[in-house]
Amino acid sequence: MRSILLILILSAFCKFGLAQQVFSEGVIEYEIAIDPPANQEGLVQYKGSYTITVKGTQVKEDLILENGYKSTLLYNYSTNSVHSLKKIGSKHIAIELDLLQLQKRRAKYEGYSIKEVKNDKEIAGVNAKASIITYKDGKTTDIFYSDEWLNGYIVFDNFPGIKPLLLSFTNYNDDGIAIHFTAKKVIATPVENAVFRIPTHYKMMSNNEYQQLSGK
């Protein structure tokens, strides 16, 4: 009897463990659509892709829009460093950002509540559970998340501290722009360290130097 009980407990534990794996290495690709502010006529919706590549404490985020805009963020949480890779004209630059400052910017989104709703569906081949996020100012937004994966070192700017891997969500910016994300691929696979290296032809630059270069 004890053996049977032990087997049942271990089986349940294994199932729970499998359902709570950290997404520690692999690639997540989102389709994105960017809606302009409602009060600005003549602007159109942009579409593109947002790809997150993970290997342990290293995270790479690639944004590519259909209008040709590209941006890359490289995070290394072992060294607490973050770099933004950009191309300005013919120049390729790697801007060193302040990780602590980026974290402070997310503070305004903290303190939200989560209410689970019964509206499960499949996204990118993964079972997605639905919830409603309510922020401190009363604004709400819907999310779909994986009950199989935890996000580990992946940080979702408008949902700081959230544990499950988000599969569908919307970021609302202060300027009224809404960015819709829907996962297209979720692939747990080995990733080469070279993916997270700054290319040698990029010029290293501080954020202050970049602000001066761009005239901000």
N, C-alpha and C. Protein backbone atom coordinates (compact mmCIF):
# COMPACT_ATOMS: atom_id res chain seq x y z
N MET A 1 0.83 -1.20 0.00
CA MET A 1 0.00 0.00 0.00
C MET A 1 0.87 1.26 0.00
N ARG A 2 1.93 1.21 0.84
CA ARG A 2 2.83 2.36 0.91
C ARG A 2 3.55 2.56 -0.42
N SER A 3 3.90 1.43 -1.07
CA SER A 3 4.59 1.51 -2.35
C SER A 3 3.71 2.17 -3.40
N ILE A 4 2.44 1.76 -3.41
CA ILE A 4 1.50 2.34 -4.37
C ILE A 4 1.33 3.84 -4.12
N LEU A 5 1.20 4.22 -2.84
CA LEU A 5 1.05 5.63 -2.47
C LEU A 5 2.28 6.43 -2.89
N LEU A 6 3.46 5.83 -2.66
CA LEU A 6 4.71 6.51 -3.02
C LEU A 6 4.79 6.73 -4.53
N ILE A 7 4.38 5.72 -5.29
CA ILE A 7 4.39 5.84 -6.75
C ILE A 7 3.46 6.95 -7.22
N LEU A 8 2.28 7.02 -6.60
CA LEU A 8 1.32 8.06 -6.97
C LEU A 8 1.86 9.45 -6.66
N ILE A 9 2.52 9.59 -5.50
CA ILE A 9 3.08 10.88 -5.11
C ILE A 9 4.19 11.29 -6.06
N LEU A 10 5.08 10.33 -6.39
CA LEU A 10 6.18 10.63 -7.30
C LEU A 10 5.66 10.96 -8.69
N SER A 11 4.62 10.25 -9.11
CA SER A 11 4.03 10.52 -10.42
C SER A 11 3.46 11.92 -10.49
N ALA A 12 2.75 12.31 -9.42
CA ALA A 12 2.17 13.65 -9.37
C ALA A 12 3.26 14.70 -9.34
N PHE A 13 4.33 14.41 -8.59
CA PHE A 13 5.44 15.36 -8.49
C PHE A 13 6.11 15.53 -9.85
N CYS A 14 6.31 14.45 -10.56
CA CYS A 14 6.95 14.51 -11.87
C CYS A 14 6.10 15.30 -12.86
N LYS A 15 4.79 15.08 -12.82
CA LYS A 15 3.90 15.81 -13.71
C LYS A 15 3.95 17.29 -13.39
N PHE A 16 3.96 17.62 -12.10
CA PHE A 16 4.02 19.02 -11.69
C PHE A 16 5.34 19.63 -12.14
N GLY A 17 6.41 18.87 -11.97
CA GLY A 17 7.73 19.36 -12.36
C GLY A 17 7.80 19.63 -13.85
N LEU A 18 7.26 18.71 -14.65
CA LEU A 18 7.26 18.89 -16.08
C LEU A 18 6.42 20.09 -16.48
N ALA A 19 5.35 20.33 -15.73
CA ALA A 19 4.48 21.45 -16.04
C ALA A 19 5.09 22.78 -15.62
N GLN A 20 6.16 22.73 -14.87
CA GLN A 20 6.74 23.96 -14.35
C GLN A 20 8.20 24.11 -14.77
N GLN A 21 8.55 23.65 -15.95
CA GLN A 21 9.92 23.78 -16.43
C GLN A 21 10.26 25.23 -16.72
N VAL A 22 11.48 25.61 -16.39
CA VAL A 22 11.96 26.94 -16.74
C VAL A 22 12.42 26.92 -18.19
N PHE A 23 12.02 27.91 -18.95
CA PHE A 23 12.47 28.02 -20.32
C PHE A 23 13.88 28.61 -20.29
N SER A 24 14.87 27.74 -20.15
CA SER A 24 16.24 28.18 -19.91
C SER A 24 17.11 28.18 -21.16
N GLU A 25 16.63 27.54 -22.24
CA GLU A 25 17.42 27.55 -23.47
C GLU A 25 16.51 27.26 -24.65
N GLY A 26 16.52 28.19 -25.60
CA GLY A 26 15.67 28.01 -26.76
C GLY A 26 15.27 29.33 -27.39
N VAL A 27 14.25 29.27 -28.25
CA VAL A 27 13.83 30.43 -29.03
C VAL A 27 12.31 30.56 -28.97
N ILE A 28 11.85 31.79 -28.76
CA ILE A 28 10.42 32.10 -28.81
C ILE A 28 10.23 33.21 -29.83
N GLU A 29 9.40 32.96 -30.82
CA GLU A 29 9.15 33.97 -31.85
C GLU A 29 7.70 34.43 -31.77
N TYR A 30 7.53 35.75 -31.68
CA TYR A 30 6.19 36.35 -31.63
C TYR A 30 5.91 37.11 -32.92
N GLU A 31 4.68 37.04 -33.36
CA GLU A 31 4.19 37.97 -34.37
C GLU A 31 3.71 39.20 -33.63
N ILE A 32 4.03 40.37 -34.13
CA ILE A 32 3.60 41.58 -33.45
C ILE A 32 2.84 42.51 -34.40
N ALA A 33 1.95 43.29 -33.82
CA ALA A 33 1.23 44.33 -34.55
C ALA A 33 1.22 45.56 -33.67
N ILE A 34 1.62 46.70 -34.24
CA ILE A 34 1.71 47.94 -33.48
C ILE A 34 0.62 48.89 -33.94
N ASP A 35 -0.30 49.20 -33.03
CA ASP A 35 -1.38 50.14 -33.32
C ASP A 35 -0.96 51.54 -32.93
N PRO A 36 -1.13 52.53 -33.81
CA PRO A 36 -0.79 53.91 -33.46
C PRO A 36 -1.80 54.48 -32.47
N PRO A 37 -1.48 55.61 -31.83
CA PRO A 37 -2.45 56.25 -30.92
C PRO A 37 -3.75 56.56 -31.64
N ALA A 38 -4.87 56.44 -30.94
CA ALA A 38 -6.18 56.64 -31.55
C ALA A 38 -6.38 58.08 -32.04
N ASN A 39 -5.66 59.03 -31.43
CA ASN A 39 -5.87 60.45 -31.77
C ASN A 39 -4.95 60.93 -32.90
N GLN A 40 -4.20 60.01 -33.52
CA GLN A 40 -3.30 60.40 -34.60
C GLN A 40 -3.76 59.75 -35.90
N GLU A 41 -4.43 60.56 -36.73
CA GLU A 41 -4.97 60.06 -37.98
C GLU A 41 -3.85 59.93 -39.03
N GLY A 42 -4.04 59.02 -39.94
CA GLY A 42 -3.10 58.86 -41.03
C GLY A 42 -2.00 57.85 -40.76
N LEU A 43 -1.80 57.49 -39.49
CA LEU A 43 -0.79 56.49 -39.17
C LEU A 43 -1.37 55.10 -39.35
N VAL A 44 -0.55 54.17 -39.81
CA VAL A 44 -1.02 52.83 -40.08
C VAL A 44 -0.44 51.84 -39.07
N GLN A 45 -1.04 50.67 -39.03
CA GLN A 45 -0.53 49.62 -38.15
C GLN A 45 0.71 48.98 -38.78
N TYR A 46 1.74 48.84 -37.96
CA TYR A 46 2.94 48.15 -38.40
C TYR A 46 2.92 46.71 -37.89
N LYS A 47 3.47 45.82 -38.70
CA LYS A 47 3.58 44.43 -38.28
C LYS A 47 5.03 43.99 -38.35
N GLY A 48 5.33 42.92 -37.64
CA GLY A 48 6.70 42.43 -37.65
C GLY A 48 6.85 41.22 -36.77
N SER A 49 8.08 41.00 -36.31
CA SER A 49 8.36 39.86 -35.45
C SER A 49 9.21 40.29 -34.26
N TYR A 50 9.07 39.56 -33.19
CA TYR A 50 9.85 39.81 -31.97
C TYR A 50 10.34 38.45 -31.49
N THR A 51 11.65 38.26 -31.52
CA THR A 51 12.21 36.95 -31.21
C THR A 51 13.07 37.03 -29.95
N ILE A 52 12.78 36.13 -29.01
CA ILE A 52 13.55 36.04 -27.77
C ILE A 52 14.37 34.75 -27.81
N THR A 53 15.69 34.89 -27.67
CA THR A 53 16.58 33.74 -27.62
C THR A 53 17.22 33.67 -26.25
N VAL A 54 17.21 32.50 -25.64
CA VAL A 54 17.65 32.35 -24.25
C VAL A 54 18.69 31.25 -24.13
N LYS A 55 19.69 31.50 -23.30
CA LYS A 55 20.63 30.45 -22.91
C LYS A 55 21.10 30.78 -21.49
N GLY A 56 20.51 30.12 -20.50
CA GLY A 56 20.85 30.40 -19.11
C GLY A 56 20.54 31.83 -18.73
N THR A 57 21.57 32.58 -18.32
CA THR A 57 21.38 33.98 -17.89
C THR A 57 21.53 34.96 -19.04
N GLN A 58 21.65 34.46 -20.26
CA GLN A 58 21.78 35.32 -21.43
C GLN A 58 20.47 35.36 -22.20
N VAL A 59 20.03 36.57 -22.55
CA VAL A 59 18.77 36.75 -23.27
C VAL A 59 19.00 37.74 -24.41
N LYS A 60 18.55 37.36 -25.58
CA LYS A 60 18.63 38.24 -26.75
C LYS A 60 17.23 38.51 -27.27
N GLU A 61 16.91 39.78 -27.53
CA GLU A 61 15.60 40.16 -28.02
C GLU A 61 15.77 40.90 -29.35
N ASP A 62 15.18 40.35 -30.41
CA ASP A 62 15.29 40.95 -31.75
C ASP A 62 13.92 41.43 -32.21
N LEU A 63 13.84 42.72 -32.54
CA LEU A 63 12.62 43.31 -33.07
C LEU A 63 12.86 43.67 -34.54
N ILE A 64 12.01 43.16 -35.42
CA ILE A 64 12.10 43.46 -36.85
C ILE A 64 10.70 43.85 -37.34
N LEU A 65 10.58 45.06 -37.90
CA LEU A 65 9.30 45.53 -38.43
C LEU A 65 9.32 45.48 -39.95
N GLU A 66 8.13 45.41 -40.52
CA GLU A 66 8.01 45.29 -41.98
C GLU A 66 8.48 46.55 -42.70
N ASN A 67 8.61 47.68 -41.99
CA ASN A 67 9.10 48.91 -42.61
C ASN A 67 10.62 48.98 -42.64
N GLY A 68 11.29 47.90 -42.17
CA GLY A 68 12.75 47.85 -42.21
C GLY A 68 13.43 48.15 -40.90
N TYR A 69 12.67 48.58 -39.90
CA TYR A 69 13.27 48.91 -38.60
C TYR A 69 13.73 47.63 -37.89
N LYS A 70 14.95 47.69 -37.33
CA LYS A 70 15.50 46.56 -36.59
C LYS A 70 16.12 47.06 -35.28
N SER A 71 15.99 46.25 -34.25
CA SER A 71 16.59 46.59 -32.96
C SER A 71 16.88 45.30 -32.20
N THR A 72 18.00 45.29 -31.49
CA THR A 72 18.39 44.10 -30.72
C THR A 72 18.82 44.53 -29.31
N LEU A 73 18.37 43.78 -28.32
CA LEU A 73 18.82 43.96 -26.95
C LEU A 73 19.52 42.68 -26.50
N LEU A 74 20.68 42.84 -25.90
CA LEU A 74 21.44 41.71 -25.37
C LEU A 74 21.56 41.86 -23.85
N TYR A 75 20.98 40.91 -23.12
CA TYR A 75 21.05 40.91 -21.65
C TYR A 75 22.00 39.81 -21.19
N ASN A 76 22.81 40.13 -20.20
CA ASN A 76 23.63 39.11 -19.54
C ASN A 76 23.44 39.34 -18.03
N TYR A 77 22.62 38.49 -17.41
CA TYR A 77 22.30 38.69 -16.00
C TYR A 77 23.41 38.18 -15.08
N SER A 78 24.39 37.47 -15.64
CA SER A 78 25.55 37.07 -14.84
C SER A 78 26.45 38.27 -14.57
N THR A 79 26.51 39.17 -15.54
CA THR A 79 27.35 40.37 -15.40
C THR A 79 26.51 41.63 -15.20
N ASN A 80 25.17 41.46 -15.13
CA ASN A 80 24.25 42.60 -14.97
C ASN A 80 24.48 43.66 -16.03
N SER A 81 24.64 43.22 -17.27
CA SER A 81 24.88 44.15 -18.37
C SER A 81 23.80 44.00 -19.43
N VAL A 82 23.57 45.09 -20.16
CA VAL A 82 22.62 45.08 -21.26
C VAL A 82 23.12 46.04 -22.34
N HIS A 83 23.02 45.61 -23.59
CA HIS A 83 23.45 46.44 -24.71
C HIS A 83 22.35 46.49 -25.77
N SER A 84 22.19 47.64 -26.35
CA SER A 84 21.25 47.84 -27.45
C SER A 84 22.04 47.96 -28.74
N LEU A 85 21.76 47.08 -29.70
CA LEU A 85 22.45 47.10 -30.98
C LEU A 85 21.60 47.83 -32.01
N LYS A 86 22.18 48.86 -32.62
CA LYS A 86 21.45 49.66 -33.59
C LYS A 86 22.32 49.97 -34.80
N LYS A 87 21.66 50.30 -35.90
CA LYS A 87 22.36 50.76 -37.09
C LYS A 87 21.86 52.16 -37.40
N ILE A 88 22.77 53.12 -37.41
CA ILE A 88 22.43 54.51 -37.74
C ILE A 88 23.20 54.87 -39.00
N GLY A 89 22.50 54.97 -40.12
CA GLY A 89 23.17 55.19 -41.39
C GLY A 89 24.02 53.98 -41.70
N SER A 90 25.31 54.21 -41.88
CA SER A 90 26.24 53.11 -42.16
C SER A 90 26.96 52.64 -40.90
N LYS A 91 26.63 53.26 -39.76
CA LYS A 91 27.31 52.94 -38.51
C LYS A 91 26.56 51.87 -37.72
N HIS A 92 27.29 50.91 -37.20
CA HIS A 92 26.74 49.90 -36.31
C HIS A 92 27.26 50.19 -34.90
N ILE A 93 26.34 50.38 -33.96
CA ILE A 93 26.76 50.75 -32.61
C ILE A 93 26.11 49.83 -31.57
N ALA A 94 26.85 49.60 -30.50
CA ALA A 94 26.36 48.83 -29.36
C ALA A 94 26.32 49.77 -28.17
N ILE A 95 25.11 50.11 -27.74
CA ILE A 95 24.92 51.10 -26.69
C ILE A 95 24.82 50.40 -25.34
N GLU A 96 25.69 50.77 -24.43
CA GLU A 96 25.65 50.18 -23.09
C GLU A 96 24.58 50.87 -22.26
N LEU A 97 23.58 50.12 -21.83
CA LEU A 97 22.47 50.66 -21.05
C LEU A 97 22.62 50.31 -19.58
N ASP A 98 21.86 51.00 -18.76
CA ASP A 98 21.87 50.78 -17.32
C ASP A 98 20.75 49.81 -16.97
N LEU A 99 21.10 48.58 -16.59
CA LEU A 99 20.10 47.57 -16.29
C LEU A 99 19.21 48.00 -15.14
N LEU A 100 19.78 48.61 -14.12
CA LEU A 100 19.00 49.07 -12.97
C LEU A 100 17.98 50.12 -13.40
N GLN A 101 18.38 51.02 -14.31
CA GLN A 101 17.47 52.05 -14.80
C GLN A 101 16.31 51.44 -15.57
N LEU A 102 16.60 50.42 -16.36
CA LEU A 102 15.53 49.73 -17.09
C LEU A 102 14.54 49.08 -16.13
N GLN A 103 15.06 48.50 -15.06
CA GLN A 103 14.20 47.87 -14.06
C GLN A 103 13.33 48.90 -13.36
N LYS A 104 13.87 50.11 -13.12
CA LYS A 104 13.10 51.16 -12.47
C LYS A 104 11.95 51.63 -13.35
N ARG A 105 12.16 51.62 -14.66
CA ARG A 105 11.11 52.03 -15.58
C ARG A 105 9.90 51.09 -15.54
N ARG A 106 10.17 49.85 -15.16
CA ARG A 106 9.07 48.87 -15.10
C ARG A 106 8.27 48.99 -13.80
N ALA A 107 8.79 49.75 -12.85
CA ALA A 107 8.17 49.82 -11.52
C ALA A 107 6.72 50.31 -11.58
N LYS A 108 6.41 51.17 -12.53
CA LYS A 108 5.05 51.72 -12.62
C LYS A 108 4.02 50.65 -12.97
N TYR A 109 4.49 49.51 -13.49
CA TYR A 109 3.57 48.43 -13.84
C TYR A 109 3.43 47.40 -12.71
N GLU A 110 4.17 47.58 -11.63
CA GLU A 110 4.11 46.63 -10.53
C GLU A 110 2.81 46.78 -9.74
N GLY A 111 2.51 45.77 -8.95
CA GLY A 111 1.32 45.83 -8.10
C GLY A 111 0.03 45.46 -8.81
N TYR A 112 0.13 44.81 -9.96
CA TYR A 112 -1.08 44.40 -10.69
C TYR A 112 -1.66 43.14 -10.07
N SER A 113 -2.91 42.89 -10.36
CA SER A 113 -3.56 41.65 -9.91
C SER A 113 -3.87 40.79 -11.13
N ILE A 114 -3.97 39.49 -10.91
CA ILE A 114 -4.24 38.54 -11.98
C ILE A 114 -5.50 37.74 -11.66
N LYS A 115 -6.44 37.73 -12.58
CA LYS A 115 -7.66 36.93 -12.42
C LYS A 115 -7.75 35.94 -13.55
N GLU A 116 -7.70 34.67 -13.20
CA GLU A 116 -7.77 33.63 -14.23
C GLU A 116 -9.19 33.48 -14.73
N VAL A 117 -9.33 33.32 -16.04
CA VAL A 117 -10.64 33.10 -16.66
C VAL A 117 -10.57 31.83 -17.48
N LYS A 118 -11.72 31.22 -17.72
CA LYS A 118 -11.75 29.96 -18.46
C LYS A 118 -11.91 30.26 -19.95
N ASN A 119 -10.77 30.39 -20.60
CA ASN A 119 -10.78 30.66 -22.03
C ASN A 119 -9.51 30.08 -22.66
N ASP A 120 -9.19 28.84 -22.28
CA ASP A 120 -7.97 28.21 -22.76
C ASP A 120 -8.00 28.01 -24.28
N LYS A 121 -6.82 28.09 -24.89
CA LYS A 121 -6.70 27.79 -26.31
C LYS A 121 -5.26 27.40 -26.59
N GLU A 122 -5.01 26.95 -27.80
CA GLU A 122 -3.65 26.55 -28.18
C GLU A 122 -2.99 27.69 -28.95
N ILE A 123 -1.78 28.04 -28.53
CA ILE A 123 -0.99 29.06 -29.22
C ILE A 123 0.40 28.49 -29.48
N ALA A 124 0.81 28.49 -30.71
CA ALA A 124 2.13 27.97 -31.10
C ALA A 124 2.35 26.55 -30.62
N GLY A 125 1.27 25.76 -30.64
CA GLY A 125 1.36 24.37 -30.23
C GLY A 125 1.44 24.15 -28.73
N VAL A 126 1.22 25.22 -27.97
CA VAL A 126 1.31 25.15 -26.51
C VAL A 126 -0.06 25.49 -25.91
N ASN A 127 -0.46 24.75 -24.88
CA ASN A 127 -1.71 25.06 -24.19
C ASN A 127 -1.58 26.41 -23.50
N ALA A 128 -2.51 27.31 -23.79
CA ALA A 128 -2.46 28.67 -23.25
C ALA A 128 -3.66 28.94 -22.36
N LYS A 129 -3.37 29.35 -21.15
CA LYS A 129 -4.42 29.72 -20.20
C LYS A 129 -4.64 31.22 -20.22
N ALA A 130 -5.87 31.64 -19.98
CA ALA A 130 -6.22 33.06 -20.06
C ALA A 130 -6.36 33.68 -18.68
N SER A 131 -5.95 34.94 -18.59
CA SER A 131 -6.13 35.71 -17.36
C SER A 131 -6.34 37.17 -17.73
N ILE A 132 -6.91 37.90 -16.79
CA ILE A 132 -7.07 39.35 -16.94
C ILE A 132 -6.15 40.03 -15.94
N ILE A 133 -5.33 40.93 -16.45
CA ILE A 133 -4.43 41.72 -15.61
C ILE A 133 -5.11 43.05 -15.29
N THR A 134 -5.12 43.42 -14.02
CA THR A 134 -5.65 44.72 -13.61
C THR A 134 -4.54 45.49 -12.91
N TYR A 135 -4.21 46.66 -13.46
CA TYR A 135 -3.14 47.48 -12.89
C TYR A 135 -3.69 48.36 -11.77
N LYS A 136 -2.78 49.00 -11.06
CA LYS A 136 -3.17 49.83 -9.92
C LYS A 136 -4.07 50.99 -10.33
N ASP A 137 -3.93 51.47 -11.56
CA ASP A 137 -4.76 52.59 -12.02
C ASP A 137 -6.11 52.14 -12.56
N GLY A 138 -6.39 50.83 -12.49
CA GLY A 138 -7.68 50.31 -12.92
C GLY A 138 -7.71 49.81 -14.36
N LYS A 139 -6.67 50.08 -15.13
CA LYS A 139 -6.63 49.62 -16.51
C LYS A 139 -6.44 48.10 -16.54
N THR A 140 -7.04 47.47 -17.55
CA THR A 140 -6.96 46.01 -17.65
C THR A 140 -6.43 45.59 -19.01
N THR A 141 -5.92 44.39 -19.07
CA THR A 141 -5.47 43.80 -20.33
C THR A 141 -5.53 42.28 -20.21
N ASP A 142 -5.75 41.62 -21.33
CA ASP A 142 -5.84 40.17 -21.34
C ASP A 142 -4.48 39.56 -21.67
N ILE A 143 -4.18 38.43 -21.06
CA ILE A 143 -2.97 37.69 -21.38
C ILE A 143 -3.31 36.22 -21.55
N PHE A 144 -2.49 35.53 -22.34
CA PHE A 144 -2.51 34.08 -22.42
C PHE A 144 -1.11 33.60 -22.08
N TYR A 145 -1.01 32.60 -21.24
CA TYR A 145 0.30 32.15 -20.79
C TYR A 145 0.38 30.63 -20.79
N SER A 146 1.60 30.13 -20.76
CA SER A 146 1.84 28.69 -20.76
C SER A 146 1.78 28.14 -19.35
N ASP A 147 1.13 27.00 -19.20
CA ASP A 147 1.15 26.32 -17.90
C ASP A 147 2.24 25.24 -17.90
N GLU A 148 3.06 25.22 -18.96
CA GLU A 148 4.16 24.27 -19.06
C GLU A 148 5.51 24.93 -18.76
N TRP A 149 5.64 26.23 -19.09
CA TRP A 149 6.92 26.90 -19.00
C TRP A 149 6.89 28.10 -18.06
N LEU A 150 7.96 28.25 -17.29
CA LEU A 150 8.20 29.46 -16.53
C LEU A 150 9.21 30.30 -17.31
N ASN A 151 9.14 31.64 -17.17
CA ASN A 151 9.94 32.47 -18.06
C ASN A 151 11.41 32.62 -17.66
N GLY A 152 11.77 32.21 -16.45
CA GLY A 152 13.17 32.29 -16.04
C GLY A 152 13.71 33.71 -16.08
N TYR A 153 14.73 33.95 -16.90
CA TYR A 153 15.35 35.27 -16.99
C TYR A 153 14.68 36.19 -18.02
N ILE A 154 13.66 35.69 -18.69
CA ILE A 154 12.93 36.55 -19.63
C ILE A 154 12.08 37.53 -18.83
N VAL A 155 12.16 38.80 -19.19
CA VAL A 155 11.38 39.83 -18.50
C VAL A 155 10.41 40.47 -19.49
N PHE A 156 9.15 40.53 -19.11
CA PHE A 156 8.14 41.19 -19.93
C PHE A 156 7.87 42.56 -19.31
N ASP A 157 8.22 43.63 -20.05
CA ASP A 157 8.26 44.97 -19.49
C ASP A 157 6.99 45.40 -18.77
N ASN A 158 5.83 45.13 -19.34
CA ASN A 158 4.57 45.59 -18.75
C ASN A 158 4.02 44.62 -17.71
N PHE A 159 4.77 43.52 -17.46
CA PHE A 159 4.31 42.52 -16.50
C PHE A 159 5.48 42.08 -15.60
N PRO A 160 6.12 43.03 -14.93
CA PRO A 160 7.28 42.68 -14.10
C PRO A 160 6.92 41.68 -13.00
N GLY A 161 7.77 40.68 -12.85
CA GLY A 161 7.56 39.68 -11.81
C GLY A 161 6.67 38.53 -12.20
N ILE A 162 6.08 38.57 -13.39
CA ILE A 162 5.19 37.48 -13.77
C ILE A 162 6.00 36.22 -14.01
N LYS A 163 5.51 35.09 -13.56
CA LYS A 163 6.28 33.84 -13.59
C LYS A 163 6.07 33.00 -14.85
N PRO A 164 4.83 32.78 -15.28
CA PRO A 164 4.65 31.91 -16.45
C PRO A 164 5.07 32.61 -17.74
N LEU A 165 5.40 31.82 -18.73
CA LEU A 165 5.82 32.33 -20.03
C LEU A 165 4.59 32.87 -20.77
N LEU A 166 4.65 34.13 -21.17
CA LEU A 166 3.52 34.75 -21.86
C LEU A 166 3.52 34.36 -23.33
N LEU A 167 2.35 33.96 -23.83
CA LEU A 167 2.20 33.55 -25.22
C LEU A 167 1.44 34.58 -26.05
N SER A 168 0.57 35.33 -25.41
CA SER A 168 -0.16 36.39 -26.09
C SER A 168 -0.45 37.50 -25.09
N PHE A 169 -0.10 38.73 -25.45
CA PHE A 169 -0.28 39.85 -24.54
C PHE A 169 -0.17 41.15 -25.32
N THR A 170 -0.52 42.26 -24.68
CA THR A 170 -0.44 43.58 -25.30
C THR A 170 0.25 44.54 -24.36
N ASN A 171 1.23 45.27 -24.88
CA ASN A 171 1.88 46.35 -24.14
C ASN A 171 1.27 47.68 -24.56
N TYR A 172 0.81 48.45 -23.58
CA TYR A 172 0.27 49.78 -23.85
C TYR A 172 1.28 50.81 -23.36
N ASN A 173 1.80 51.62 -24.28
CA ASN A 173 2.78 52.62 -23.93
C ASN A 173 2.11 53.92 -23.49
N ASP A 174 2.88 54.78 -22.84
CA ASP A 174 2.35 56.05 -22.35
C ASP A 174 1.87 56.95 -23.49
N ASP A 175 2.45 56.78 -24.67
CA ASP A 175 2.07 57.64 -25.80
C ASP A 175 0.85 57.12 -26.55
N GLY A 176 0.21 56.09 -26.02
CA GLY A 176 -1.02 55.57 -26.62
C GLY A 176 -0.81 54.46 -27.63
N ILE A 177 0.43 54.10 -27.87
CA ILE A 177 0.72 53.01 -28.81
C ILE A 177 0.46 51.67 -28.13
N ALA A 178 -0.21 50.77 -28.85
CA ALA A 178 -0.46 49.42 -28.35
C ALA A 178 0.32 48.43 -29.20
N ILE A 179 1.07 47.54 -28.54
CA ILE A 179 1.86 46.53 -29.25
C ILE A 179 1.32 45.16 -28.87
N HIS A 180 0.79 44.45 -29.86
CA HIS A 180 0.19 43.14 -29.63
C HIS A 180 1.20 42.04 -29.97
N PHE A 181 1.39 41.10 -29.06
CA PHE A 181 2.32 39.98 -29.24
C PHE A 181 1.54 38.67 -29.24
N THR A 182 1.82 37.81 -30.21
CA THR A 182 1.25 36.46 -30.24
C THR A 182 2.34 35.48 -30.64
N ALA A 183 2.59 34.50 -29.78
CA ALA A 183 3.66 33.55 -30.04
C ALA A 183 3.37 32.74 -31.30
N LYS A 184 4.40 32.60 -32.13
CA LYS A 184 4.32 31.82 -33.36
C LYS A 184 5.08 30.52 -33.21
N LYS A 185 6.22 30.57 -32.49
CA LYS A 185 7.03 29.39 -32.25
C LYS A 185 7.56 29.42 -30.83
N VAL A 186 7.55 28.27 -30.17
CA VAL A 186 8.18 28.10 -28.86
C VAL A 186 9.01 26.83 -28.97
N ILE A 187 10.33 27.01 -29.06
CA ILE A 187 11.21 25.87 -29.32
C ILE A 187 12.30 25.80 -28.25
N ALA A 188 12.28 24.75 -27.44
CA ALA A 188 13.35 24.51 -26.48
C ALA A 188 14.45 23.74 -27.21
N THR A 189 15.57 24.40 -27.43
CA THR A 189 16.64 23.80 -28.24
C THR A 189 17.98 24.40 -27.82
N PRO A 190 19.08 23.67 -27.99
CA PRO A 190 20.39 24.23 -27.66
C PRO A 190 20.70 25.47 -28.48
N VAL A 191 21.35 26.45 -27.84
CA VAL A 191 21.69 27.71 -28.49
C VAL A 191 23.19 27.96 -28.31
N GLU A 192 23.86 28.38 -29.37
CA GLU A 192 25.29 28.67 -29.30
C GLU A 192 25.56 29.96 -28.54
N ASN A 193 26.64 30.01 -27.78
CA ASN A 193 27.02 31.22 -27.06
C ASN A 193 27.29 32.39 -28.00
N ALA A 194 27.72 32.08 -29.22
CA ALA A 194 28.05 33.13 -30.19
C ALA A 194 26.85 34.02 -30.50
N VAL A 195 25.65 33.48 -30.32
CA VAL A 195 24.43 34.26 -30.60
C VAL A 195 24.38 35.51 -29.75
N PHE A 196 24.98 35.46 -28.57
CA PHE A 196 24.86 36.56 -27.61
C PHE A 196 26.07 37.50 -27.61
N ARG A 197 26.99 37.28 -28.51
CA ARG A 197 28.16 38.14 -28.58
C ARG A 197 27.88 39.37 -29.44
N ILE A 198 28.46 40.49 -29.04
CA ILE A 198 28.35 41.71 -29.84
C ILE A 198 29.28 41.56 -31.05
N PRO A 199 28.76 41.70 -32.26
CA PRO A 199 29.62 41.57 -33.45
C PRO A 199 30.81 42.53 -33.39
N THR A 200 31.93 42.10 -33.92
CA THR A 200 33.17 42.87 -33.81
C THR A 200 33.11 44.19 -34.57
N HIS A 201 32.24 44.30 -35.58
CA HIS A 201 32.17 45.54 -36.35
C HIS A 201 31.27 46.59 -35.69
N TYR A 202 30.72 46.27 -34.52
CA TYR A 202 29.91 47.26 -33.79
C TYR A 202 30.82 48.10 -32.90
N LYS A 203 30.58 49.39 -32.88
CA LYS A 203 31.33 50.30 -32.03
C LYS A 203 30.64 50.42 -30.68
N MET A 204 31.38 50.20 -29.61
CA MET A 204 30.84 50.32 -28.27
C MET A 204 30.63 51.80 -27.94
N MET A 205 29.52 52.09 -27.27
CA MET A 205 29.17 53.47 -26.98
C MET A 205 28.33 53.53 -25.71
N SER A 206 28.57 54.55 -24.89
CA SER A 206 27.74 54.74 -23.70
C SER A 206 26.40 55.34 -24.12
N ASN A 207 25.43 55.27 -23.24
CA ASN A 207 24.12 55.82 -23.56
C ASN A 207 24.20 57.34 -23.74
N ASN A 208 25.04 57.99 -22.93
CA ASN A 208 25.21 59.45 -23.06
C ASN A 208 25.78 59.82 -24.43
N GLU A 209 26.76 59.04 -24.87
CA GLU A 209 27.35 59.29 -26.20
C GLU A 209 26.32 59.09 -27.29
N TYR A 210 25.48 58.09 -27.12
CA TYR A 210 24.43 57.84 -28.13
C TYR A 210 23.42 58.98 -28.16
N GLN A 211 23.04 59.48 -26.97
CA GLN A 211 22.09 60.59 -26.91
C GLN A 211 22.65 61.81 -27.63
N GLN A 212 23.92 62.07 -27.48
CA GLN A 212 24.56 63.19 -28.16
C GLN A 212 24.61 62.97 -29.67
N LEU A 213 24.90 61.74 -30.07
CA LEU A 213 24.96 61.40 -31.49
C LEU A 213 23.61 61.57 -32.17
N SER A 214 22.56 61.16 -31.47
CA SER A 214 21.21 61.22 -32.06
C SER A 214 20.54 62.57 -31.83
N GLY A 215 21.22 63.48 -31.11
CA GLY A 215 20.67 64.81 -30.89
C GLY A 215 19.54 64.88 -29.91
N LYS A 216 19.49 63.90 -28.99
CA LYS A 216 18.40 63.88 -28.00
C LYS A 216 18.83 64.60 -26.73
